[in-house]
Amino acid sequence: MKPIVSAVQAWSCFVISCFAIVILSVLGILFRGNHPELVGGEEDPEDGPAVAATVFTAVIIYAGFLIFCGFQGLLHIRENRRGSIAL
């Protein structure tokens, strides 16, 4: 199987997805708990659990990116071990 994206793009996406999963998970937990800093103001959302569900959906999407890009990176490593010439 050949990689679809370049190695730099695959590993960049992998690292960005890792950070996004961590940051969005923390925000989702805070929204789910109705943390006053996030839902306490006049212009802030009133339904914290609904916002948390949306944030956790984004976490699932980033997990998909993480798996896909990690797999692409591993394909590049496997391809380089075979001694193929990159043009």
C-alpha atoms as a PDB file:
ATOM      1  CA  MET A   1       0.000   0.000   0.000  1.00  0.00           C
ATOM      2  CA  LYS A   2       1.333   3.436  -0.907  1.00  0.00           C
ATOM      3  CA  PRO A   3       0.945   6.592   1.180  1.00  0.00           C
ATOM      4  CA  ILE A   4      -1.520   9.220  -0.020  1.00  0.00           C
ATOM      5  CA  VAL A   5       0.064  12.275   1.649  1.00  0.00           C
ATOM      6  CA  SER A   6       3.703  13.219   2.119  1.00  0.00           C
ATOM      7  CA  ALA A   7       5.634  12.276   5.246  1.00  0.00           C
ATOM      8  CA  VAL A   8       5.840  15.876   6.476  1.00  0.00           C
ATOM      9  CA  GLN A   9       2.102  16.371   6.089  1.00  0.00           C
ATOM     10  CA  ALA A  10       1.336  13.064   7.783  1.00  0.00           C
ATOM     11  CA  TRP A  11       3.491  13.721  10.833  1.00  0.00           C
ATOM     12  CA  SER A  12       2.383  17.362  11.078  1.00  0.00           C
ATOM     13  CA  CYS A  13      -1.247  16.273  11.050  1.00  0.00           C
ATOM     14  CA  PHE A  14      -0.445  13.614  13.664  1.00  0.00           C
ATOM     15  CA  VAL A  15       1.132  16.148  16.061  1.00  0.00           C
ATOM     16  CA  ILE A  16      -1.596  18.760  15.532  1.00  0.00           C
ATOM     17  CA  SER A  17      -4.279  16.115  16.125  1.00  0.00           C
ATOM     18  CA  CYS A  18      -2.609  15.077  19.393  1.00  0.00           C
ATOM     19  CA  PHE A  19      -2.656  18.655  20.670  1.00  0.00           C
ATOM     20  CA  ALA A  20      -6.211  19.230  19.456  1.00  0.00           C
ATOM     21  CA  ILE A  21      -7.489  16.103  21.209  1.00  0.00           C
ATOM     22  CA  VAL A  22      -5.918  17.148  24.515  1.00  0.00           C
ATOM     23  CA  ILE A  23      -7.080  20.773  24.359  1.00  0.00           C
ATOM     24  CA  LEU A  24     -10.611  19.998  23.159  1.00  0.00           C
ATOM     25  CA  SER A  25     -11.015  17.215  25.719  1.00  0.00           C
ATOM     26  CA  VAL A  26     -10.188  19.635  28.530  1.00  0.00           C
ATOM     27  CA  LEU A  27     -12.634  22.197  27.132  1.00  0.00           C
ATOM     28  CA  GLY A  28     -15.334  19.531  26.752  1.00  0.00           C
ATOM     29  CA  ILE A  29     -14.884  18.396  30.349  1.00  0.00           C
ATOM     30  CA  LEU A  30     -15.121  21.984  31.573  1.00  0.00           C
ATOM     31  CA  PHE A  31     -18.271  22.649  29.530  1.00  0.00           C
ATOM     32  CA  ARG A  32     -19.848  19.377  30.682  1.00  0.00           C
ATOM     33  CA  GLY A  33     -19.274  20.426  34.300  1.00  0.00           C
ATOM     34  CA  ASN A  34     -20.789  23.894  33.656  1.00  0.00           C
ATOM     35  CA  HIS A  35     -17.588  25.603  34.757  1.00  0.00           C
ATOM     36  CA  PRO A  36     -18.453  29.213  35.687  1.00  0.00           C
ATOM     37  CA  GLU A  37     -15.632  30.674  33.571  1.00  0.00           C
ATOM     38  CA  LEU A  38     -17.174  29.172  30.440  1.00  0.00           C
ATOM     39  CA  VAL A  39     -20.932  29.369  31.025  1.00  0.00           C
ATOM     40  CA  GLY A  40     -21.271  32.077  33.665  1.00  0.00           C
ATOM     41  CA  GLY A  41     -21.412  35.278  31.592  1.00  0.00           C
ATOM     42  CA  GLU A  42     -24.246  36.958  29.728  1.00  0.00           C
ATOM     43  CA  GLU A  43     -22.881  36.176  26.251  1.00  0.00           C
ATOM     44  CA  ASP A  44     -21.688  32.668  27.137  1.00  0.00           C
ATOM     45  CA  PRO A  45     -23.677  29.549  26.209  1.00  0.00           C
ATOM     46  CA  GLU A  46     -26.241  28.504  28.785  1.00  0.00           C
ATOM     47  CA  ASP A  47     -26.347  24.784  28.025  1.00  0.00           C
ATOM     48  CA  GLY A  48     -22.858  23.507  28.836  1.00  0.00           C
ATOM     49  CA  PRO A  49     -23.563  19.798  28.201  1.00  0.00           C
ATOM     50  CA  ALA A  50     -24.843  20.545  24.683  1.00  0.00           C
ATOM     51  CA  VAL A  51     -21.663  22.475  23.905  1.00  0.00           C
ATOM     52  CA  ALA A  52     -19.629  19.635  25.425  1.00  0.00           C
ATOM     53  CA  ALA A  53     -21.305  17.129  23.095  1.00  0.00           C
ATOM     54  CA  THR A  54     -20.296  19.237  20.099  1.00  0.00           C
ATOM     55  CA  VAL A  55     -16.735  19.573  21.375  1.00  0.00           C
ATOM     56  CA  PHE A  56     -16.479  15.818  21.942  1.00  0.00           C
ATOM     57  CA  THR A  57     -17.693  15.272  18.363  1.00  0.00           C
ATOM     58  CA  ALA A  58     -14.726  17.368  17.234  1.00  0.00           C
ATOM     59  CA  VAL A  59     -12.469  15.194  19.426  1.00  0.00           C
ATOM     60  CA  ILE A  60     -13.757  12.086  17.632  1.00  0.00           C
ATOM     61  CA  ILE A  61     -13.039  13.697  14.244  1.00  0.00           C
ATOM     62  CA  TYR A  62      -9.501  14.589  15.350  1.00  0.00           C
ATOM     63  CA  ALA A  63      -9.034  11.011  16.587  1.00  0.00           C
ATOM     64  CA  GLY A  64      -9.886   9.867  13.057  1.00  0.00           C
ATOM     65  CA  PHE A  65      -7.269  12.280  11.680  1.00  0.00           C
ATOM     66  CA  LEU A  66      -4.781  10.950  14.235  1.00  0.00           C
ATOM     67  CA  ILE A  67      -5.323   7.359  13.150  1.00  0.00           C
ATOM     68  CA  PHE A  68      -5.233   8.166   9.426  1.00  0.00           C
ATOM     69  CA  CYS A  69      -2.145  10.370   9.603  1.00  0.00           C
ATOM     70  CA  GLY A  70      -0.333   7.977  11.921  1.00  0.00           C
ATOM     71  CA  PHE A  71      -1.017   5.167   9.463  1.00  0.00           C
ATOM     72  CA  GLN A  72       0.280   7.330   6.607  1.00  0.00           C
ATOM     73  CA  GLY A  73       3.435   8.101   8.568  1.00  0.00           C
ATOM     74  CA  LEU A  74       4.000   4.412   9.252  1.00  0.00           C
ATOM     75  CA  LEU A  75       3.580   3.671   5.546  1.00  0.00           C
ATOM     76  CA  HIS A  76       6.322   6.198   4.814  1.00  0.00           C
ATOM     77  CA  ILE A  77       8.617   4.542   7.351  1.00  0.00           C
ATOM     78  CA  ARG A  78       7.904   1.134   5.843  1.00  0.00           C
ATOM     79  CA  GLU A  79       8.514   2.461   2.330  1.00  0.00           C
ATOM     80  CA  ASN A  80      11.844   4.012   3.331  1.00  0.00           C
ATOM     81  CA  ARG A  81      13.053   0.737   4.868  1.00  0.00           C
ATOM     82  CA  ARG A  82      12.588  -1.027   1.548  1.00  0.00           C
ATOM     83  CA  GLY A  83      15.165   1.236  -0.052  1.00  0.00           C
ATOM     84  CA  SER A  84      12.849   2.922  -2.535  1.00  0.00           C
ATOM     85  CA  ILE A  85      14.036   6.117  -4.149  1.00  0.00           C
ATOM     86  CA  ALA A  86      11.948   9.217  -3.427  1.00  0.00           C
ATOM     87  CA  LEU A  87      11.661  11.589  -6.357  1.00  0.00           C
END
